[in-house]
């Protein structure tokens, strides 16, 4: 898959089959649409292409900084890269872009820039300035400008939206198994390892503190989780705490991972943490020693889950 930053950088030499959307989570509902896109493109001799936007339109048009997304843009690229697409176009979403008329968007962007010959799109898709055009308009444009429109049914779109809603709700209550089932992969957190207070090392449970710069990334409910990560090509398991460390009077929410049988210095490294399961809620213990006793139990529970 070739990732292209901005529509203007797309190689116009190849006609495309295209779908448009945010595809947050790239979950099992999205996969069905993307598989259809790839199959169509191969049959028609076109390049399968996803057009997505960043920042999320709500961040720009509504200035909604409270939005919580399942993927960072880097995570989305990584997941889409595994599916067999030819192109991913990430176009900067701006207020100026949102003001394009429906005609400008279809004629100038889809046809002239992206050489679109087929569009696979939801029945409820709206586009153009003030979102005043719909799929009927798109089909009419296709008849004039020589491209085909394939409509994704209400049932399929409902499956996609239901999946997204269930994933977010599951993560909010810490139900990782349900979230992972709808995603089709382990929910991930990606960030940089930074220095913490070093309290874990004092009780024989040293932790790597994960800093996620993207404030829009949805963080699951506070608690203790079983995790894994690829570190320099090695698969390493561990357990992760999301929370405020109430036993030691913590106040700021943090993400800390205790990797099992792993001693390497990780400061400054960027890691992807895959969440496998959830063990328990975060608790305030009567003492640091009581916390240590619980962590020993948590590790045993984690190892039992990993062995399964």
C-alpha atoms as a PDB file:
ATOM      1  CA  UNK A   1       0.000   0.000   0.000  1.00  0.00           C
ATOM      2  CA  UNK A   2       1.272   3.436  -0.932  1.00  0.00           C
ATOM      3  CA  UNK A   3       0.322   6.192   1.505  1.00  0.00           C
ATOM      4  CA  UNK A   4      -0.128   9.630  -0.043  1.00  0.00           C
ATOM      5  CA  UNK A   5      -0.278  12.805   2.016  1.00  0.00           C
ATOM      6  CA  UNK A   6      -2.772  15.140   0.274  1.00  0.00           C
ATOM      7  CA  UNK A   7      -4.823  14.601  -2.864  1.00  0.00           C
ATOM      8  CA  UNK A   8      -2.503  16.892  -4.829  1.00  0.00           C
ATOM      9  CA  UNK A   9       0.348  14.381  -4.418  1.00  0.00           C
ATOM     10  CA  UNK A  10      -1.561  11.462  -5.938  1.00  0.00           C
ATOM     11  CA  UNK A  11      -0.106   9.909  -9.094  1.00  0.00           C
ATOM     12  CA  UNK A  12      -2.767  10.578 -11.738  1.00  0.00           C
ATOM     13  CA  UNK A  13      -1.459   7.846 -14.031  1.00  0.00           C
ATOM     14  CA  UNK A  14      -3.761   5.197 -12.573  1.00  0.00           C
ATOM     15  CA  UNK A  15      -7.578   5.046 -12.649  1.00  0.00           C
ATOM     16  CA  UNK A  16      -9.045   4.181  -9.258  1.00  0.00           C
ATOM     17  CA  UNK A  17     -11.835   2.421  -7.434  1.00  0.00           C
ATOM     18  CA  UNK A  18     -12.365   4.469  -4.311  1.00  0.00           C
ATOM     19  CA  UNK A  19     -14.175   4.602  -1.003  1.00  0.00           C
ATOM     20  CA  UNK A  20     -14.322   7.593   1.306  1.00  0.00           C
ATOM     21  CA  UNK A  21     -14.533   7.760   5.083  1.00  0.00           C
ATOM     22  CA  UNK A  22     -12.808   8.115   8.440  1.00  0.00           C
ATOM     23  CA  UNK A  23     -12.670   4.320   9.014  1.00  0.00           C
ATOM     24  CA  UNK A  24     -11.910   4.829  12.689  1.00  0.00           C
ATOM     25  CA  UNK A  25     -10.887   1.507  14.202  1.00  0.00           C
ATOM     26  CA  UNK A  26     -10.740  -0.238  10.803  1.00  0.00           C
ATOM     27  CA  UNK A  27     -12.965  -2.838  12.464  1.00  0.00           C
ATOM     28  CA  UNK A  28     -14.681  -5.931  11.064  1.00  0.00           C
ATOM     29  CA  UNK A  29     -17.543  -3.868   9.619  1.00  0.00           C
ATOM     30  CA  UNK A  30     -15.105  -1.651   7.745  1.00  0.00           C
ATOM     31  CA  UNK A  31     -13.202  -4.703   6.498  1.00  0.00           C
ATOM     32  CA  UNK A  32     -16.217  -5.969   4.564  1.00  0.00           C
ATOM     33  CA  UNK A  33     -16.420  -2.682   2.665  1.00  0.00           C
ATOM     34  CA  UNK A  34     -12.668  -2.609   2.028  1.00  0.00           C
ATOM     35  CA  UNK A  35     -12.647  -6.234   0.848  1.00  0.00           C
ATOM     36  CA  UNK A  36     -15.416  -5.363  -1.624  1.00  0.00           C
ATOM     37  CA  UNK A  37     -13.401  -2.361  -2.817  1.00  0.00           C
ATOM     38  CA  UNK A  38     -10.274  -4.457  -3.377  1.00  0.00           C
ATOM     39  CA  UNK A  39     -12.210  -7.198  -5.194  1.00  0.00           C
ATOM     40  CA  UNK A  40     -13.939  -4.675  -7.470  1.00  0.00           C
ATOM     41  CA  UNK A  41     -10.674  -2.930  -8.264  1.00  0.00           C
ATOM     42  CA  UNK A  42      -8.996  -6.181  -9.291  1.00  0.00           C
ATOM     43  CA  UNK A  43     -11.893  -7.207 -11.538  1.00  0.00           C
ATOM     44  CA  UNK A  44     -12.003  -3.795 -13.229  1.00  0.00           C
ATOM     45  CA  UNK A  45      -8.240  -3.292 -13.472  1.00  0.00           C
ATOM     46  CA  UNK A  46      -8.312  -0.258 -11.153  1.00  0.00           C
ATOM     47  CA  UNK A  47      -6.253   0.803  -8.146  1.00  0.00           C
ATOM     48  CA  UNK A  48      -8.079   0.249  -4.848  1.00  0.00           C
ATOM     49  CA  UNK A  49      -7.956   3.552  -2.992  1.00  0.00           C
ATOM     50  CA  UNK A  50      -9.163   4.815   0.381  1.00  0.00           C
ATOM     51  CA  UNK A  51      -9.629   8.560   0.785  1.00  0.00           C
ATOM     52  CA  UNK A  52      -9.637   9.632   4.411  1.00  0.00           C
ATOM     53  CA  UNK A  53      -9.194  12.927   6.191  1.00  0.00           C
ATOM     54  CA  UNK A  54      -7.121  14.234   9.075  1.00  0.00           C
ATOM     55  CA  UNK A  55      -7.811  16.005  11.355  1.00  0.00           C
ATOM     56  CA  UNK A  56     -11.261  14.523  11.882  1.00  0.00           C
ATOM     57  CA  UNK A  57     -13.849  16.903  10.357  1.00  0.00           C
ATOM     58  CA  UNK A  58     -15.501  17.426  13.766  1.00  0.00           C
ATOM     59  CA  UNK A  59     -12.231  18.773  15.135  1.00  0.00           C
ATOM     60  CA  UNK A  60     -12.158  21.396  12.402  1.00  0.00           C
ATOM     61  CA  UNK A  61     -15.786  22.334  11.814  1.00  0.00           C
ATOM     62  CA  UNK A  62     -17.101  22.025  15.370  1.00  0.00           C
ATOM     63  CA  UNK A  63     -13.747  22.531  17.098  1.00  0.00           C
ATOM     64  CA  UNK A  64     -14.617  19.418  19.088  1.00  0.00           C
ATOM     65  CA  UNK A  65     -11.408  18.607  20.945  1.00  0.00           C
ATOM     66  CA  UNK A  66     -13.216  16.156  23.210  1.00  0.00           C
ATOM     67  CA  UNK A  67     -13.600  13.654  20.376  1.00  0.00           C
ATOM     68  CA  UNK A  68     -12.191  10.215  21.210  1.00  0.00           C
ATOM     69  CA  UNK A  69     -10.957   8.064  18.323  1.00  0.00           C
ATOM     70  CA  UNK A  70     -10.041   4.389  18.281  1.00  0.00           C
ATOM     71  CA  UNK A  71      -6.905   4.927  16.188  1.00  0.00           C
ATOM     72  CA  UNK A  72      -4.222   7.520  15.905  1.00  0.00           C
ATOM     73  CA  UNK A  73      -3.547   8.338  12.257  1.00  0.00           C
ATOM     74  CA  UNK A  74      -0.316   6.277  12.410  1.00  0.00           C
ATOM     75  CA  UNK A  75      -2.186   3.263  13.812  1.00  0.00           C
ATOM     76  CA  UNK A  76      -4.806   3.544  11.093  1.00  0.00           C
ATOM     77  CA  UNK A  77      -2.130   3.565   8.395  1.00  0.00           C
ATOM     78  CA  UNK A  78      -0.484   0.499   9.955  1.00  0.00           C
ATOM     79  CA  UNK A  79      -3.750  -1.476  10.059  1.00  0.00           C
ATOM     80  CA  UNK A  80      -4.850  -0.514   6.538  1.00  0.00           C
ATOM     81  CA  UNK A  81      -1.406  -1.498   5.273  1.00  0.00           C
ATOM     82  CA  UNK A  82      -2.167  -5.148   6.115  1.00  0.00           C
ATOM     83  CA  UNK A  83      -5.335  -5.383   4.007  1.00  0.00           C
ATOM     84  CA  UNK A  84      -4.014  -5.350   0.438  1.00  0.00           C
ATOM     85  CA  UNK A  85      -5.056  -1.860  -0.644  1.00  0.00           C
ATOM     86  CA  UNK A  86      -3.149  -0.099  -3.401  1.00  0.00           C
ATOM     87  CA  UNK A  87      -3.422   3.460  -2.075  1.00  0.00           C
ATOM     88  CA  UNK A  88      -4.334   5.336   1.072  1.00  0.00           C
ATOM     89  CA  UNK A  89      -4.771   9.081   0.617  1.00  0.00           C
ATOM     90  CA  UNK A  90      -4.759  11.161   3.804  1.00  0.00           C
ATOM     91  CA  UNK A  91      -6.032  14.601   2.934  1.00  0.00           C
ATOM     92  CA  UNK A  92      -5.730  17.519   5.375  1.00  0.00           C
ATOM     93  CA  UNK A  93      -9.254  18.514   6.358  1.00  0.00           C
ATOM     94  CA  UNK A  94      -9.628  22.291   6.538  1.00  0.00           C
ATOM     95  CA  UNK A  95     -12.484  24.769   6.565  1.00  0.00           C
ATOM     96  CA  UNK A  96     -11.500  25.755   3.026  1.00  0.00           C
ATOM     97  CA  UNK A  97     -11.778  22.149   1.875  1.00  0.00           C
ATOM     98  CA  UNK A  98     -15.210  21.846   3.521  1.00  0.00           C
ATOM     99  CA  UNK A  99     -16.435  24.766   1.425  1.00  0.00           C
ATOM    100  CA  UNK A 100     -15.923  22.975  -1.886  1.00  0.00           C
ATOM    101  CA  UNK A 101     -19.218  22.621  -3.733  1.00  0.00           C
ATOM    102  CA  UNK A 102     -20.452  19.161  -4.626  1.00  0.00           C
ATOM    103  CA  UNK A 103     -19.516  19.808  -8.257  1.00  0.00           C
ATOM    104  CA  UNK A 104     -16.000  20.928  -7.341  1.00  0.00           C
ATOM    105  CA  UNK A 105     -15.472  17.917  -5.098  1.00  0.00           C
ATOM    106  CA  UNK A 106     -16.632  15.380  -7.673  1.00  0.00           C
ATOM    107  CA  UNK A 107     -15.224  17.001 -10.808  1.00  0.00           C
ATOM    108  CA  UNK A 108     -11.953  18.419  -9.488  1.00  0.00           C
ATOM    109  CA  UNK A 109     -11.070  15.963  -6.713  1.00  0.00           C
ATOM    110  CA  UNK A 110     -12.588  12.598  -7.601  1.00  0.00           C
ATOM    111  CA  UNK A 111     -12.460  12.720 -11.395  1.00  0.00           C
ATOM    112  CA  UNK A 112      -9.617  15.065 -12.349  1.00  0.00           C
ATOM    113  CA  UNK A 113      -7.249  14.358  -9.472  1.00  0.00           C
ATOM    114  CA  UNK A 114      -8.010  10.778  -8.477  1.00  0.00           C
ATOM    115  CA  UNK A 115      -9.112   9.404 -11.881  1.00  0.00           C
ATOM    116  CA  UNK A 116     -12.077   7.710 -10.226  1.00  0.00           C
ATOM    117  CA  UNK A 117     -13.919   5.106 -12.278  1.00  0.00           C
ATOM    118  CA  UNK A 118     -15.828   3.456  -9.436  1.00  0.00           C
ATOM    119  CA  UNK A 119     -16.990   4.681  -6.023  1.00  0.00           C
ATOM    120  CA  UNK A 120     -18.221   2.350  -3.284  1.00  0.00           C
ATOM    121  CA  UNK A 121     -20.034   4.496  -0.752  1.00  0.00           C
ATOM    122  CA  UNK A 122     -22.739   4.403   1.929  1.00  0.00           C
ATOM    123  CA  UNK A 123     -26.373   5.064   1.058  1.00  0.00           C
ATOM    124  CA  UNK A 124     -26.350   7.944   3.565  1.00  0.00           C
ATOM    125  CA  UNK A 125     -23.149   9.599   2.342  1.00  0.00           C
ATOM    126  CA  UNK A 126     -23.375  13.377   2.041  1.00  0.00           C
ATOM    127  CA  UNK A 127     -20.795  15.687   0.534  1.00  0.00           C
ATOM    128  CA  UNK A 128     -20.113  19.184  -0.771  1.00  0.00           C
ATOM    129  CA  UNK A 129     -20.499  22.482   1.024  1.00  0.00           C
ATOM    130  CA  UNK A 130     -22.897  22.167   3.979  1.00  0.00           C
ATOM    131  CA  UNK A 131     -23.167  18.460   3.036  1.00  0.00           C
ATOM    132  CA  UNK A 132     -25.985  19.380   0.667  1.00  0.00           C
ATOM    133  CA  UNK A 133     -25.455  16.563  -1.882  1.00  0.00           C
ATOM    134  CA  UNK A 134     -26.289  12.887  -1.412  1.00  0.00           C
ATOM    135  CA  UNK A 135     -25.811   9.569  -3.179  1.00  0.00           C
ATOM    136  CA  UNK A 136     -28.491  10.366  -5.791  1.00  0.00           C
ATOM    137  CA  UNK A 137     -26.457  13.424  -6.769  1.00  0.00           C
ATOM    138  CA  UNK A 138     -23.309  11.305  -6.869  1.00  0.00           C
ATOM    139  CA  UNK A 139     -24.964   8.805  -9.213  1.00  0.00           C
ATOM    140  CA  UNK A 140     -26.085  11.682 -11.451  1.00  0.00           C
ATOM    141  CA  UNK A 141     -22.514  13.022 -11.527  1.00  0.00           C
ATOM    142  CA  UNK A 142     -21.311   9.531 -12.415  1.00  0.00           C
ATOM    143  CA  UNK A 143     -23.617   9.381 -15.424  1.00  0.00           C
ATOM    144  CA  UNK A 144     -22.160  12.649 -16.698  1.00  0.00           C
ATOM    145  CA  UNK A 145     -18.508  12.184 -15.735  1.00  0.00           C
ATOM    146  CA  UNK A 146     -18.199   8.478 -16.528  1.00  0.00           C
ATOM    147  CA  UNK A 147     -17.823   6.689 -13.201  1.00  0.00           C
ATOM    148  CA  UNK A 148     -19.923   4.017 -11.502  1.00  0.00           C
ATOM    149  CA  UNK A 149     -21.391   4.291  -8.006  1.00  0.00           C
ATOM    150  CA  UNK A 150     -22.006   1.204  -5.896  1.00  0.00           C
ATOM    151  CA  UNK A 151     -24.188   1.809  -2.870  1.00  0.00           C
ATOM    152  CA  UNK A 152     -23.458   0.262   0.507  1.00  0.00           C
ATOM    153  CA  UNK A 153     -26.811  -0.741   1.965  1.00  0.00           C
ATOM    154  CA  UNK A 154     -28.482   0.584   5.103  1.00  0.00           C
ATOM    155  CA  UNK A 155     -27.981  -2.792   6.786  1.00  0.00           C
ATOM    156  CA  UNK A 156     -24.235  -2.774   6.105  1.00  0.00           C
ATOM    157  CA  UNK A 157     -23.838   0.833   7.245  1.00  0.00           C
ATOM    158  CA  UNK A 158     -25.802  -0.007  10.380  1.00  0.00           C
ATOM    159  CA  UNK A 159     -23.408  -2.896  11.060  1.00  0.00           C
ATOM    160  CA  UNK A 160     -20.476  -0.492  10.796  1.00  0.00           C
ATOM    161  CA  UNK A 161     -21.986   2.126  13.114  1.00  0.00           C
ATOM    162  CA  UNK A 162     -23.149  -0.506  15.607  1.00  0.00           C
ATOM    163  CA  UNK A 163     -19.646  -1.988  15.690  1.00  0.00           C
ATOM    164  CA  UNK A 164     -18.050   1.418  16.310  1.00  0.00           C
ATOM    165  CA  UNK A 165     -20.517   2.219  19.089  1.00  0.00           C
ATOM    166  CA  UNK A 166     -20.060  -1.166  20.768  1.00  0.00           C
ATOM    167  CA  UNK A 167     -16.269  -0.880  20.612  1.00  0.00           C
ATOM    168  CA  UNK A 168     -16.281   2.542  22.289  1.00  0.00           C
ATOM    169  CA  UNK A 169     -18.771   1.456  24.938  1.00  0.00           C
ATOM    170  CA  UNK A 170     -16.780  -1.710  25.614  1.00  0.00           C
ATOM    171  CA  UNK A 171     -13.539   0.239  26.060  1.00  0.00           C
ATOM    172  CA  UNK A 172     -15.242   2.739  28.349  1.00  0.00           C
ATOM    173  CA  UNK A 173     -16.202  -0.092  30.723  1.00  0.00           C
ATOM    174  CA  UNK A 174     -12.966  -2.033  30.248  1.00  0.00           C
ATOM    175  CA  UNK A 175     -14.523  -4.885  28.262  1.00  0.00           C
ATOM    176  CA  UNK A 176     -11.466  -5.554  26.116  1.00  0.00           C
ATOM    177  CA  UNK A 177     -12.633  -8.952  24.861  1.00  0.00           C
ATOM    178  CA  UNK A 178     -15.758  -7.460  23.288  1.00  0.00           C
ATOM    179  CA  UNK A 179     -13.795  -4.546  21.810  1.00  0.00           C
ATOM    180  CA  UNK A 180     -11.197  -6.882  20.323  1.00  0.00           C
ATOM    181  CA  UNK A 181     -13.893  -9.154  18.882  1.00  0.00           C
ATOM    182  CA  UNK A 182     -15.473  -6.239  16.986  1.00  0.00           C
ATOM    183  CA  UNK A 183     -12.117  -4.814  15.951  1.00  0.00           C
ATOM    184  CA  UNK A 184     -10.778  -8.121  14.645  1.00  0.00           C
ATOM    185  CA  UNK A 185      -7.455  -7.398  16.372  1.00  0.00           C
ATOM    186  CA  UNK A 186      -6.164  -6.376  19.807  1.00  0.00           C
ATOM    187  CA  UNK A 187      -6.882  -2.780  20.767  1.00  0.00           C
ATOM    188  CA  UNK A 188      -3.610  -0.896  20.793  1.00  0.00           C
ATOM    189  CA  UNK A 189      -2.004   2.039  22.517  1.00  0.00           C
ATOM    190  CA  UNK A 190       1.027   3.612  20.834  1.00  0.00           C
ATOM    191  CA  UNK A 191       3.361   6.054  22.498  1.00  0.00           C
ATOM    192  CA  UNK A 192       6.837   6.901  23.741  1.00  0.00           C
ATOM    193  CA  UNK A 193       8.418   5.492  26.889  1.00  0.00           C
ATOM    194  CA  UNK A 194       9.239   8.305  29.314  1.00  0.00           C
ATOM    195  CA  UNK A 195      10.726   8.459  32.795  1.00  0.00           C
ATOM    196  CA  UNK A 196       8.353   7.960  35.701  1.00  0.00           C
ATOM    197  CA  UNK A 197       8.846   8.216  39.465  1.00  0.00           C
ATOM    198  CA  UNK A 198      10.621   4.863  39.679  1.00  0.00           C
ATOM    199  CA  UNK A 199       8.286   3.569  42.393  1.00  0.00           C
ATOM    200  CA  UNK A 200       7.659   0.261  40.629  1.00  0.00           C
ATOM    201  CA  UNK A 201      11.350  -0.642  40.660  1.00  0.00           C
ATOM    202  CA  UNK A 202      11.462  -0.264  44.452  1.00  0.00           C
ATOM    203  CA  UNK A 203       8.901  -3.080  44.835  1.00  0.00           C
ATOM    204  CA  UNK A 204      10.430  -5.327  42.123  1.00  0.00           C
ATOM    205  CA  UNK A 205       7.861  -4.340  39.497  1.00  0.00           C
ATOM    206  CA  UNK A 206       9.662  -1.829  37.270  1.00  0.00           C
ATOM    207  CA  UNK A 207       7.373  -0.146  34.771  1.00  0.00           C
ATOM    208  CA  UNK A 208       7.706   1.531  31.408  1.00  0.00           C
ATOM    209  CA  UNK A 209       5.640   4.721  31.376  1.00  0.00           C
ATOM    210  CA  UNK A 210       3.807   5.227  28.083  1.00  0.00           C
ATOM    211  CA  UNK A 211       3.179   8.773  26.893  1.00  0.00           C
ATOM    212  CA  UNK A 212       0.579   9.159  24.134  1.00  0.00           C
ATOM    213  CA  UNK A 213       0.816  12.572  22.511  1.00  0.00           C
ATOM    214  CA  UNK A 214      -2.493  12.282  20.657  1.00  0.00           C
ATOM    215  CA  UNK A 215      -5.051  13.621  23.113  1.00  0.00           C
ATOM    216  CA  UNK A 216      -7.874  12.337  20.900  1.00  0.00           C
ATOM    217  CA  UNK A 217      -6.886   8.675  21.395  1.00  0.00           C
ATOM    218  CA  UNK A 218      -9.484   6.739  23.392  1.00  0.00           C
ATOM    219  CA  UNK A 219      -7.903   5.253  26.536  1.00  0.00           C
ATOM    220  CA  UNK A 220      -9.774   2.302  28.081  1.00  0.00           C
ATOM    221  CA  UNK A 221     -11.207   2.349  31.592  1.00  0.00           C
ATOM    222  CA  UNK A 222      -8.715   2.526  34.461  1.00  0.00           C
ATOM    223  CA  UNK A 223      -7.522  -0.861  35.617  1.00  0.00           C
ATOM    224  CA  UNK A 224      -4.973  -3.634  35.127  1.00  0.00           C
ATOM    225  CA  UNK A 225      -4.610  -5.309  31.732  1.00  0.00           C
ATOM    226  CA  UNK A 226      -2.651  -8.138  30.127  1.00  0.00           C
ATOM    227  CA  UNK A 227      -0.601  -6.829  27.202  1.00  0.00           C
ATOM    228  CA  UNK A 228       2.040  -7.700  24.634  1.00  0.00           C
ATOM    229  CA  UNK A 229       4.446  -5.716  22.465  1.00  0.00           C
ATOM    230  CA  UNK A 230       7.042  -6.251  19.768  1.00  0.00           C
ATOM    231  CA  UNK A 231      10.295  -4.780  21.067  1.00  0.00           C
ATOM    232  CA  UNK A 232      13.219  -4.877  18.621  1.00  0.00           C
ATOM    233  CA  UNK A 233      11.665  -7.905  16.947  1.00  0.00           C
ATOM    234  CA  UNK A 234      11.030  -9.760  20.212  1.00  0.00           C
ATOM    235  CA  UNK A 235       7.493 -10.540  21.422  1.00  0.00           C
ATOM    236  CA  UNK A 236       7.273  -9.478  25.061  1.00  0.00           C
ATOM    237  CA  UNK A 237       4.294  -9.944  27.387  1.00  0.00           C
ATOM    238  CA  UNK A 238       3.422  -7.951  30.464  1.00  0.00           C
ATOM    239  CA  UNK A 239       0.727  -6.275  32.498  1.00  0.00           C
ATOM    240  CA  UNK A 240      -0.346  -2.655  32.294  1.00  0.00           C
ATOM    241  CA  UNK A 241      -1.958  -0.293  34.757  1.00  0.00           C
ATOM    242  CA  UNK A 242      -4.084   2.605  33.554  1.00  0.00           C
ATOM    243  CA  UNK A 243      -4.934   4.968  36.367  1.00  0.00           C
ATOM    244  CA  UNK A 244      -3.769   7.410  39.017  1.00  0.00           C
ATOM    245  CA  UNK A 245      -1.840   5.076  41.386  1.00  0.00           C
ATOM    246  CA  UNK A 246      -4.027   5.870  44.426  1.00  0.00           C
ATOM    247  CA  UNK A 247      -1.946   3.744  46.834  1.00  0.00           C
ATOM    248  CA  UNK A 248       0.964   6.193  46.493  1.00  0.00           C
ATOM    249  CA  UNK A 249      -1.323   9.264  46.351  1.00  0.00           C
ATOM    250  CA  UNK A 250      -1.053   9.688  42.609  1.00  0.00           C
ATOM    251  CA  UNK A 251      -3.186  12.337  40.972  1.00  0.00           C
ATOM    252  CA  UNK A 252      -2.368  12.317  37.266  1.00  0.00           C
ATOM    253  CA  UNK A 253      -3.609   9.500  35.053  1.00  0.00           C
ATOM    254  CA  UNK A 254      -0.758   7.396  33.690  1.00  0.00           C
ATOM    255  CA  UNK A 255      -0.172   4.259  31.624  1.00  0.00           C
ATOM    256  CA  UNK A 256       2.515   1.958  33.054  1.00  0.00           C
ATOM    257  CA  UNK A 257       3.640  -1.438  31.741  1.00  0.00           C
ATOM    258  CA  UNK A 258       5.542  -4.081  33.658  1.00  0.00           C
ATOM    259  CA  UNK A 259       7.151  -6.327  31.033  1.00  0.00           C
ATOM    260  CA  UNK A 260       7.846  -9.893  32.144  1.00  0.00           C
ATOM    261  CA  UNK A 261      11.462 -11.161  32.050  1.00  0.00           C
ATOM    262  CA  UNK A 262      12.640  -8.060  30.226  1.00  0.00           C
ATOM    263  CA  UNK A 263      15.361  -5.723  31.449  1.00  0.00           C
ATOM    264  CA  UNK A 264      16.218  -3.553  28.414  1.00  0.00           C
ATOM    265  CA  UNK A 265      16.317   0.239  28.722  1.00  0.00           C
ATOM    266  CA  UNK A 266      13.268   1.519  26.849  1.00  0.00           C
ATOM    267  CA  UNK A 267      13.455   5.275  27.462  1.00  0.00           C
ATOM    268  CA  UNK A 268      12.725   7.208  24.293  1.00  0.00           C
ATOM    269  CA  UNK A 269      11.457   4.182  22.365  1.00  0.00           C
ATOM    270  CA  UNK A 270       8.113   4.256  20.572  1.00  0.00           C
ATOM    271  CA  UNK A 271       6.101   1.127  21.372  1.00  0.00           C
ATOM    272  CA  UNK A 272       2.771  -0.311  20.310  1.00  0.00           C
ATOM    273  CA  UNK A 273       1.057  -1.999  23.238  1.00  0.00           C
ATOM    274  CA  UNK A 274      -1.565  -4.598  22.280  1.00  0.00           C
ATOM    275  CA  UNK A 275      -4.185  -5.158  24.987  1.00  0.00           C
ATOM    276  CA  UNK A 276      -5.184  -8.812  25.386  1.00  0.00           C
ATOM    277  CA  UNK A 277      -7.474  -8.854  28.431  1.00  0.00           C
ATOM    278  CA  UNK A 278      -8.432  -7.008  31.607  1.00  0.00           C
ATOM    279  CA  UNK A 279      -7.701  -8.384  35.060  1.00  0.00           C
ATOM    280  CA  UNK A 280      -9.247  -5.975  37.553  1.00  0.00           C
ATOM    281  CA  UNK A 281     -10.132  -2.420  38.518  1.00  0.00           C
ATOM    282  CA  UNK A 282      -7.535  -0.091  39.978  1.00  0.00           C
ATOM    283  CA  UNK A 283      -7.682  -0.113  43.794  1.00  0.00           C
ATOM    284  CA  UNK A 284      -6.196   1.858  46.646  1.00  0.00           C
ATOM    285  CA  UNK A 285      -4.348  -0.570  48.907  1.00  0.00           C
ATOM    286  CA  UNK A 286      -3.618  -0.141  52.602  1.00  0.00           C
ATOM    287  CA  UNK A 287       0.130  -0.106  52.009  1.00  0.00           C
ATOM    288  CA  UNK A 288       2.790  -0.394  49.320  1.00  0.00           C
ATOM    289  CA  UNK A 289       3.472  -3.949  50.550  1.00  0.00           C
ATOM    290  CA  UNK A 290      -0.203  -4.834  50.067  1.00  0.00           C
ATOM    291  CA  UNK A 291       0.056  -3.436  46.535  1.00  0.00           C
ATOM    292  CA  UNK A 292       3.146  -5.583  45.890  1.00  0.00           C
ATOM    293  CA  UNK A 293       1.290  -8.697  47.092  1.00  0.00           C
ATOM    294  CA  UNK A 294      -1.543  -7.913  44.665  1.00  0.00           C
ATOM    295  CA  UNK A 295       0.894  -7.358  41.793  1.00  0.00           C
ATOM    296  CA  UNK A 296       2.343 -10.831  42.375  1.00  0.00           C
ATOM    297  CA  UNK A 297      -1.190 -12.237  42.042  1.00  0.00           C
ATOM    298  CA  UNK A 298      -1.810 -10.072  38.947  1.00  0.00           C
ATOM    299  CA  UNK A 299       1.316 -11.464  37.297  1.00  0.00           C
ATOM    300  CA  UNK A 300       0.194 -15.042  37.988  1.00  0.00           C
ATOM    301  CA  UNK A 301      -3.230 -14.255  36.524  1.00  0.00           C
ATOM    302  CA  UNK A 302      -1.624 -12.622  33.492  1.00  0.00           C
ATOM    303  CA  UNK A 303       0.673 -15.590  32.857  1.00  0.00           C
ATOM    304  CA  UNK A 304      -2.311 -17.965  33.068  1.00  0.00           C
ATOM    305  CA  UNK A 305      -4.197 -15.874  30.479  1.00  0.00           C
ATOM    306  CA  UNK A 306      -1.115 -15.727  28.224  1.00  0.00           C
ATOM    307  CA  UNK A 307      -0.626 -19.514  28.435  1.00  0.00           C
ATOM    308  CA  UNK A 308      -4.184 -19.995  27.175  1.00  0.00           C
END
